[in-house]
Amino acid sequence: GWSFNAGVNFANAYNDPSSNRGVDSWTTVDTGIGYEFGGDGWSKGLSVRLAATNLFDTPPPFANRLFGYDGANGNQTGRSISLSVTKSW
């Protein structure tokens, strides 16, 4: 049971009507890999997953807003990596 996923997120460039300034486009990549153990015994129903959001830590483009970015089209979280272990029975 291996699984893999990847996604590319794209926000197009636009003119910000509140400041009449251009905001650049923004592209991020999310990815994940997982393994679901099979068989009988303790490993039955066990899965492990490693995921990354904004894998390349791409900052959002500048927008003339309170925090310097448009919260509707971007965020300042940066790269986020998670590891999950799940057991079902």
N, C-alpha and C. Protein backbone atom coordinates (compact mmCIF):
# COMPACT_ATOMS: atom_id res chain seq x y z
N GLY A 1 0.53 -1.19 0.00
CA GLY A 1 0.00 0.00 0.00
C GLY A 1 0.60 1.34 0.00
N TRP A 2 1.42 1.66 -0.99
CA TRP A 2 1.96 3.01 -1.10
C TRP A 2 0.95 3.94 -1.76
N SER A 3 0.97 5.20 -1.36
CA SER A 3 0.17 6.23 -2.02
C SER A 3 1.01 7.50 -2.11
N PHE A 4 0.76 8.27 -3.15
CA PHE A 4 1.48 9.52 -3.37
C PHE A 4 0.52 10.53 -3.98
N ASN A 5 0.61 11.77 -3.54
CA ASN A 5 -0.17 12.82 -4.18
C ASN A 5 0.65 14.09 -4.27
N ALA A 6 0.33 14.88 -5.28
CA ALA A 6 0.98 16.18 -5.46
C ALA A 6 -0.02 17.11 -6.11
N GLY A 7 0.07 18.37 -5.75
CA GLY A 7 -0.82 19.37 -6.33
C GLY A 7 -0.09 20.69 -6.50
N VAL A 8 -0.43 21.38 -7.57
CA VAL A 8 0.10 22.71 -7.81
C VAL A 8 -1.04 23.70 -7.66
N ASN A 9 -0.84 24.72 -6.84
CA ASN A 9 -1.84 25.75 -6.58
C ASN A 9 -1.37 27.05 -7.23
N PHE A 10 -2.25 27.69 -8.00
CA PHE A 10 -1.87 28.90 -8.71
C PHE A 10 -2.91 29.98 -8.49
N ALA A 11 -2.46 31.15 -8.07
CA ALA A 11 -3.31 32.34 -7.97
C ALA A 11 -2.78 33.34 -8.99
N ASN A 12 -3.59 33.71 -9.94
CA ASN A 12 -3.18 34.59 -11.03
C ASN A 12 -2.91 36.01 -10.52
N ALA A 13 -2.10 36.73 -11.26
CA ALA A 13 -1.85 38.14 -10.95
C ALA A 13 -3.14 38.93 -11.17
N TYR A 14 -3.29 40.01 -10.41
CA TYR A 14 -4.50 40.82 -10.53
C TYR A 14 -4.21 42.24 -10.04
N ASN A 15 -5.12 43.15 -10.35
CA ASN A 15 -5.05 44.51 -9.82
C ASN A 15 -5.91 44.59 -8.58
N ASP A 16 -5.32 45.07 -7.50
CA ASP A 16 -6.03 45.21 -6.24
C ASP A 16 -6.89 46.47 -6.30
N PRO A 17 -8.22 46.34 -6.28
CA PRO A 17 -9.08 47.53 -6.41
C PRO A 17 -8.98 48.48 -5.21
N SER A 18 -8.59 47.99 -4.05
CA SER A 18 -8.52 48.88 -2.88
C SER A 18 -7.30 49.79 -2.92
N SER A 19 -6.25 49.39 -3.63
CA SER A 19 -5.05 50.22 -3.68
C SER A 19 -4.64 50.59 -5.10
N ASN A 20 -5.33 50.03 -6.10
CA ASN A 20 -5.04 50.27 -7.51
C ASN A 20 -3.60 49.90 -7.85
N ARG A 21 -3.11 48.82 -7.22
CA ARG A 21 -1.76 48.31 -7.48
C ARG A 21 -1.86 46.89 -7.98
N GLY A 22 -0.87 46.48 -8.75
CA GLY A 22 -0.82 45.12 -9.23
C GLY A 22 -0.29 44.18 -8.16
N VAL A 23 -0.84 42.96 -8.12
CA VAL A 23 -0.38 41.91 -7.21
C VAL A 23 0.10 40.76 -8.07
N ASP A 24 1.33 40.30 -7.85
CA ASP A 24 1.91 39.23 -8.65
C ASP A 24 1.18 37.91 -8.45
N SER A 25 1.39 36.99 -9.39
CA SER A 25 0.83 35.64 -9.26
C SER A 25 1.59 34.89 -8.16
N TRP A 26 1.02 33.78 -7.72
CA TRP A 26 1.62 32.98 -6.64
C TRP A 26 1.37 31.51 -6.93
N THR A 27 2.43 30.72 -6.92
CA THR A 27 2.32 29.28 -7.18
C THR A 27 2.96 28.52 -6.02
N THR A 28 2.24 27.54 -5.49
CA THR A 28 2.78 26.68 -4.44
C THR A 28 2.57 25.22 -4.83
N VAL A 29 3.34 24.34 -4.19
CA VAL A 29 3.25 22.90 -4.44
C VAL A 29 2.99 22.19 -3.12
N ASP A 30 2.00 21.31 -3.11
CA ASP A 30 1.70 20.46 -1.96
C ASP A 30 1.95 19.01 -2.36
N THR A 31 2.45 18.21 -1.44
CA THR A 31 2.73 16.82 -1.77
C THR A 31 2.61 15.94 -0.53
N GLY A 32 2.44 14.66 -0.75
CA GLY A 32 2.35 13.72 0.37
C GLY A 32 2.66 12.31 -0.08
N ILE A 33 3.15 11.52 0.83
CA ILE A 33 3.42 10.12 0.57
C ILE A 33 2.95 9.32 1.79
N GLY A 34 2.38 8.17 1.54
CA GLY A 34 1.87 7.37 2.64
C GLY A 34 2.03 5.89 2.38
N TYR A 35 1.92 5.13 3.44
CA TYR A 35 1.98 3.68 3.34
C TYR A 35 0.95 3.09 4.29
N GLU A 36 0.15 2.15 3.76
CA GLU A 36 -0.82 1.45 4.58
C GLU A 36 -0.36 0.00 4.71
N PHE A 37 -0.13 -0.40 5.94
CA PHE A 37 0.35 -1.75 6.21
C PHE A 37 -0.79 -2.74 6.04
N GLY A 38 -0.47 -3.90 5.56
CA GLY A 38 -1.48 -4.93 5.39
C GLY A 38 -1.16 -6.11 6.28
N GLY A 39 -1.81 -7.19 6.03
CA GLY A 39 -1.56 -8.41 6.79
C GLY A 39 -2.37 -8.48 8.06
N ASP A 40 -2.01 -9.43 8.89
CA ASP A 40 -2.69 -9.63 10.17
C ASP A 40 -1.80 -9.16 11.31
N GLY A 41 -2.33 -9.18 12.49
CA GLY A 41 -1.55 -8.80 13.66
C GLY A 41 -1.62 -7.31 13.92
N TRP A 42 -0.61 -6.79 14.63
CA TRP A 42 -0.61 -5.40 15.07
C TRP A 42 -0.58 -4.41 13.91
N SER A 43 -0.03 -4.79 12.76
CA SER A 43 0.09 -3.85 11.64
C SER A 43 -1.18 -3.72 10.81
N LYS A 44 -2.16 -4.59 11.05
CA LYS A 44 -3.41 -4.50 10.29
C LYS A 44 -4.12 -3.19 10.65
N GLY A 45 -4.46 -2.40 9.62
CA GLY A 45 -5.13 -1.12 9.84
C GLY A 45 -4.20 0.02 10.20
N LEU A 46 -2.89 -0.19 10.12
CA LEU A 46 -1.92 0.85 10.45
C LEU A 46 -1.48 1.58 9.18
N SER A 47 -1.48 2.91 9.22
CA SER A 47 -0.98 3.68 8.08
C SER A 47 -0.14 4.85 8.58
N VAL A 48 0.82 5.23 7.75
CA VAL A 48 1.74 6.32 8.04
C VAL A 48 1.72 7.26 6.84
N ARG A 49 1.70 8.57 7.10
CA ARG A 49 1.65 9.55 6.01
C ARG A 49 2.52 10.76 6.35
N LEU A 50 3.33 11.18 5.39
CA LEU A 50 4.16 12.37 5.48
C LEU A 50 3.67 13.35 4.41
N ALA A 51 3.35 14.57 4.80
CA ALA A 51 2.80 15.54 3.86
C ALA A 51 3.49 16.89 4.03
N ALA A 52 3.56 17.64 2.93
CA ALA A 52 4.13 18.99 2.96
C ALA A 52 3.20 19.92 2.20
N THR A 53 2.87 21.04 2.83
CA THR A 53 2.10 22.11 2.19
C THR A 53 3.06 23.25 1.91
N ASN A 54 2.96 23.84 0.73
CA ASN A 54 3.89 24.89 0.28
C ASN A 54 5.33 24.37 0.39
N LEU A 55 5.58 23.27 -0.28
CA LEU A 55 6.84 22.52 -0.20
C LEU A 55 8.08 23.40 -0.37
N PHE A 56 8.04 24.37 -1.29
CA PHE A 56 9.22 25.18 -1.57
C PHE A 56 9.23 26.50 -0.79
N ASP A 57 8.33 26.62 0.19
CA ASP A 57 8.28 27.78 1.10
C ASP A 57 8.20 29.11 0.35
N THR A 58 7.31 29.16 -0.64
CA THR A 58 7.15 30.35 -1.47
C THR A 58 6.30 31.39 -0.73
N PRO A 59 6.85 32.58 -0.48
CA PRO A 59 6.07 33.60 0.23
C PRO A 59 4.98 34.18 -0.68
N PRO A 60 3.89 34.65 -0.10
CA PRO A 60 2.84 35.26 -0.92
C PRO A 60 3.32 36.60 -1.49
N PRO A 61 2.78 37.01 -2.63
CA PRO A 61 3.18 38.29 -3.21
C PRO A 61 2.69 39.46 -2.36
N PHE A 62 3.40 40.56 -2.46
CA PHE A 62 3.03 41.75 -1.70
C PHE A 62 1.70 42.31 -2.20
N ALA A 63 0.85 42.64 -1.26
CA ALA A 63 -0.38 43.37 -1.54
C ALA A 63 -0.49 44.47 -0.49
N ASN A 64 -0.95 45.61 -0.88
CA ASN A 64 -1.02 46.75 0.03
C ASN A 64 -2.19 46.58 1.00
N ARG A 65 -2.01 45.68 1.95
CA ARG A 65 -3.02 45.37 2.97
C ARG A 65 -2.37 45.48 4.34
N LEU A 66 -3.15 45.25 5.38
CA LEU A 66 -2.67 45.41 6.75
C LEU A 66 -1.38 44.63 7.02
N PHE A 67 -1.33 43.36 6.61
CA PHE A 67 -0.15 42.53 6.90
C PHE A 67 0.75 42.35 5.69
N GLY A 68 0.47 43.05 4.59
CA GLY A 68 1.35 43.00 3.42
C GLY A 68 1.01 41.91 2.43
N TYR A 69 -0.11 41.22 2.61
CA TYR A 69 -0.53 40.20 1.65
C TYR A 69 -2.05 40.14 1.66
N ASP A 70 -2.60 39.58 0.61
CA ASP A 70 -4.05 39.44 0.47
C ASP A 70 -4.47 38.10 1.08
N GLY A 71 -5.12 38.14 2.22
CA GLY A 71 -5.51 36.91 2.92
C GLY A 71 -6.51 36.06 2.17
N ALA A 72 -7.21 36.62 1.20
CA ALA A 72 -8.16 35.83 0.40
C ALA A 72 -7.46 34.99 -0.65
N ASN A 73 -6.23 35.37 -1.05
CA ASN A 73 -5.52 34.67 -2.11
C ASN A 73 -4.16 34.13 -1.68
N GLY A 74 -3.81 34.26 -0.43
CA GLY A 74 -2.51 33.77 0.02
C GLY A 74 -2.45 33.73 1.53
N ASN A 75 -1.37 33.16 2.05
CA ASN A 75 -1.15 33.16 3.49
C ASN A 75 0.34 33.18 3.77
N GLN A 76 0.70 33.54 4.97
CA GLN A 76 2.11 33.63 5.35
C GLN A 76 2.58 32.43 6.16
N THR A 77 1.82 31.37 6.15
CA THR A 77 2.20 30.19 6.93
C THR A 77 3.53 29.63 6.48
N GLY A 78 3.81 29.64 5.21
CA GLY A 78 5.05 29.07 4.70
C GLY A 78 4.95 27.56 4.63
N ARG A 79 6.10 26.92 4.57
CA ARG A 79 6.13 25.45 4.48
C ARG A 79 5.60 24.83 5.77
N SER A 80 4.77 23.82 5.59
CA SER A 80 4.22 23.09 6.72
C SER A 80 4.38 21.60 6.45
N ILE A 81 5.00 20.90 7.37
CA ILE A 81 5.25 19.46 7.21
C ILE A 81 4.55 18.72 8.33
N SER A 82 3.87 17.64 7.96
CA SER A 82 3.16 16.86 8.98
C SER A 82 3.45 15.38 8.80
N LEU A 83 3.43 14.68 9.91
CA LEU A 83 3.57 13.23 9.93
C LEU A 83 2.38 12.69 10.72
N SER A 84 1.65 11.78 10.12
CA SER A 84 0.52 11.19 10.83
C SER A 84 0.63 9.67 10.83
N VAL A 85 0.28 9.10 11.96
CA VAL A 85 0.23 7.65 12.12
C VAL A 85 -1.21 7.34 12.56
N THR A 86 -1.86 6.45 11.80
CA THR A 86 -3.26 6.14 12.06
C THR A 86 -3.41 4.64 12.23
N LYS A 87 -4.21 4.26 13.21
CA LYS A 87 -4.51 2.83 13.45
C LYS A 87 -6.02 2.68 13.52
N SER A 88 -6.56 1.83 12.68
CA SER A 88 -8.00 1.57 12.72
C SER A 88 -8.23 0.10 13.04
N TRP A 89 -9.34 -0.17 13.67
CA TRP A 89 -9.69 -1.55 13.99
C TRP A 89 -11.16 -1.74 13.98
